[in-house]
């Protein structure tokens, strides 16, 4: 018995995918040659692509709202990682 549950590979896959996506978003923001809000444009396209792939508007909205509300606990009062060290 390996001790690996049936959902472990799925969890590893989605965590890796989200990490890679976040890294790509940061790279796009840092290399953005336009006067456009990079993350806003990325998220608009992401939401559209999710809808095109069968997610409902209510599912997409609920997921984003849950993600932002989770940042309150995760971020411990910081608006951006490292903000407290910059004060």
C-alpha atoms as a PDB file:
ATOM      1  CA  UNK A   1       0.000   0.000   0.000  1.00  0.00           C
ATOM      2  CA  UNK A   2       1.480   3.306  -1.065  1.00  0.00           C
ATOM      3  CA  UNK A   3      -0.429   5.527   1.385  1.00  0.00           C
ATOM      4  CA  UNK A   4      -1.562   7.791  -1.438  1.00  0.00           C
ATOM      5  CA  UNK A   5      -5.280   8.441  -1.599  1.00  0.00           C
ATOM      6  CA  UNK A   6      -7.271   8.431  -4.843  1.00  0.00           C
ATOM      7  CA  UNK A   7      -7.645  12.210  -4.796  1.00  0.00           C
ATOM      8  CA  UNK A   8      -3.984  13.003  -4.165  1.00  0.00           C
ATOM      9  CA  UNK A   9      -2.983  13.033  -7.837  1.00  0.00           C
ATOM     10  CA  UNK A  10      -5.955  15.272  -8.666  1.00  0.00           C
ATOM     11  CA  UNK A  11      -5.058  17.652  -5.825  1.00  0.00           C
ATOM     12  CA  UNK A  12      -1.400  17.749  -6.905  1.00  0.00           C
ATOM     13  CA  UNK A  13      -2.512  18.505 -10.456  1.00  0.00           C
ATOM     14  CA  UNK A  14      -4.813  21.420  -9.583  1.00  0.00           C
ATOM     15  CA  UNK A  15      -2.287  22.911  -7.149  1.00  0.00           C
ATOM     16  CA  UNK A  16       0.428  22.746  -9.804  1.00  0.00           C
ATOM     17  CA  UNK A  17      -1.889  24.268 -12.428  1.00  0.00           C
ATOM     18  CA  UNK A  18      -2.888  27.166 -10.169  1.00  0.00           C
ATOM     19  CA  UNK A  19       0.741  27.813  -9.192  1.00  0.00           C
ATOM     20  CA  UNK A  20       1.788  27.879 -12.857  1.00  0.00           C
ATOM     21  CA  UNK A  21      -1.128  30.166 -13.774  1.00  0.00           C
ATOM     22  CA  UNK A  22      -0.308  32.614 -10.964  1.00  0.00           C
ATOM     23  CA  UNK A  23       3.351  32.653 -12.014  1.00  0.00           C
ATOM     24  CA  UNK A  24       2.349  33.393 -15.617  1.00  0.00           C
ATOM     25  CA  UNK A  25       0.027  36.200 -14.429  1.00  0.00           C
ATOM     26  CA  UNK A  26       2.891  37.804 -12.486  1.00  0.00           C
ATOM     27  CA  UNK A  27       5.201  37.499 -15.495  1.00  0.00           C
ATOM     28  CA  UNK A  28       2.586  39.099 -17.753  1.00  0.00           C
ATOM     29  CA  UNK A  29       2.029  41.924 -15.251  1.00  0.00           C
ATOM     30  CA  UNK A  30       5.768  42.570 -14.972  1.00  0.00           C
ATOM     31  CA  UNK A  31       6.305  42.590 -18.745  1.00  0.00           C
ATOM     32  CA  UNK A  32       3.114  44.508 -19.655  1.00  0.00           C
ATOM     33  CA  UNK A  33       4.039  47.144 -22.280  1.00  0.00           C
ATOM     34  CA  UNK A  34       0.561  48.684 -22.250  1.00  0.00           C
ATOM     35  CA  UNK A  35      -1.212  51.062 -19.905  1.00  0.00           C
ATOM     36  CA  UNK A  36      -3.753  48.347 -19.117  1.00  0.00           C
ATOM     37  CA  UNK A  37      -4.506  46.604 -15.830  1.00  0.00           C
ATOM     38  CA  UNK A  38      -2.942  43.225 -16.628  1.00  0.00           C
ATOM     39  CA  UNK A  39      -4.615  41.167 -13.911  1.00  0.00           C
ATOM     40  CA  UNK A  40      -8.045  42.622 -14.604  1.00  0.00           C
ATOM     41  CA  UNK A  41      -7.754  41.735 -18.289  1.00  0.00           C
ATOM     42  CA  UNK A  42      -6.444  38.259 -17.489  1.00  0.00           C
ATOM     43  CA  UNK A  43      -9.319  37.566 -15.074  1.00  0.00           C
ATOM     44  CA  UNK A  44     -11.932  38.833 -17.546  1.00  0.00           C
ATOM     45  CA  UNK A  45     -10.539  36.448 -20.169  1.00  0.00           C
ATOM     46  CA  UNK A  46     -10.353  33.636 -17.618  1.00  0.00           C
ATOM     47  CA  UNK A  47     -13.985  34.126 -16.589  1.00  0.00           C
ATOM     48  CA  UNK A  48     -15.051  34.136 -20.246  1.00  0.00           C
ATOM     49  CA  UNK A  49     -13.061  30.983 -20.940  1.00  0.00           C
ATOM     50  CA  UNK A  50     -14.558  29.267 -17.875  1.00  0.00           C
ATOM     51  CA  UNK A  51     -18.051  30.193 -19.072  1.00  0.00           C
ATOM     52  CA  UNK A  52     -17.199  28.880 -22.562  1.00  0.00           C
ATOM     53  CA  UNK A  53     -16.174  25.583 -20.922  1.00  0.00           C
ATOM     54  CA  UNK A  54     -19.489  25.077 -19.188  1.00  0.00           C
ATOM     55  CA  UNK A  55     -19.162  26.819 -15.827  1.00  0.00           C
ATOM     56  CA  UNK A  56     -22.179  28.953 -14.929  1.00  0.00           C
ATOM     57  CA  UNK A  57     -21.938  32.650 -14.147  1.00  0.00           C
ATOM     58  CA  UNK A  58     -23.072  31.914 -10.602  1.00  0.00           C
ATOM     59  CA  UNK A  59     -20.357  29.252 -10.160  1.00  0.00           C
ATOM     60  CA  UNK A  60     -17.695  31.642 -11.462  1.00  0.00           C
ATOM     61  CA  UNK A  61     -18.906  34.528  -9.280  1.00  0.00           C
ATOM     62  CA  UNK A  62     -19.104  32.345  -6.156  1.00  0.00           C
ATOM     63  CA  UNK A  63     -15.593  30.991  -6.760  1.00  0.00           C
ATOM     64  CA  UNK A  64     -14.093  34.481  -7.119  1.00  0.00           C
ATOM     65  CA  UNK A  65     -15.971  35.780  -4.064  1.00  0.00           C
ATOM     66  CA  UNK A  66     -14.790  32.810  -1.990  1.00  0.00           C
ATOM     67  CA  UNK A  67     -11.208  33.302  -3.192  1.00  0.00           C
ATOM     68  CA  UNK A  68     -11.168  37.005  -2.269  1.00  0.00           C
ATOM     69  CA  UNK A  69     -12.776  36.409   1.129  1.00  0.00           C
ATOM     70  CA  UNK A  70     -10.214  33.665   1.832  1.00  0.00           C
ATOM     71  CA  UNK A  71      -7.417  36.180   1.270  1.00  0.00           C
ATOM     72  CA  UNK A  72      -8.549  38.083   4.365  1.00  0.00           C
ATOM     73  CA  UNK A  73      -7.506  35.143   6.558  1.00  0.00           C
ATOM     74  CA  UNK A  74      -4.536  34.091   4.420  1.00  0.00           C
ATOM     75  CA  UNK A  75      -3.110  37.601   4.054  1.00  0.00           C
ATOM     76  CA  UNK A  76      -3.240  38.442   7.763  1.00  0.00           C
ATOM     77  CA  UNK A  77      -4.229  42.037   7.042  1.00  0.00           C
ATOM     78  CA  UNK A  78      -1.768  42.647   4.213  1.00  0.00           C
ATOM     79  CA  UNK A  79      -3.116  43.916   0.894  1.00  0.00           C
ATOM     80  CA  UNK A  80      -0.115  42.430  -0.941  1.00  0.00           C
ATOM     81  CA  UNK A  81       2.496  39.909   0.219  1.00  0.00           C
ATOM     82  CA  UNK A  82       5.351  41.807   1.858  1.00  0.00           C
ATOM     83  CA  UNK A  83       3.422  45.036   2.514  1.00  0.00           C
ATOM     84  CA  UNK A  84       4.148  44.954   6.253  1.00  0.00           C
ATOM     85  CA  UNK A  85       7.883  44.815   5.584  1.00  0.00           C
ATOM     86  CA  UNK A  86       7.645  47.930   3.402  1.00  0.00           C
ATOM     87  CA  UNK A  87       6.142  50.156   6.100  1.00  0.00           C
END
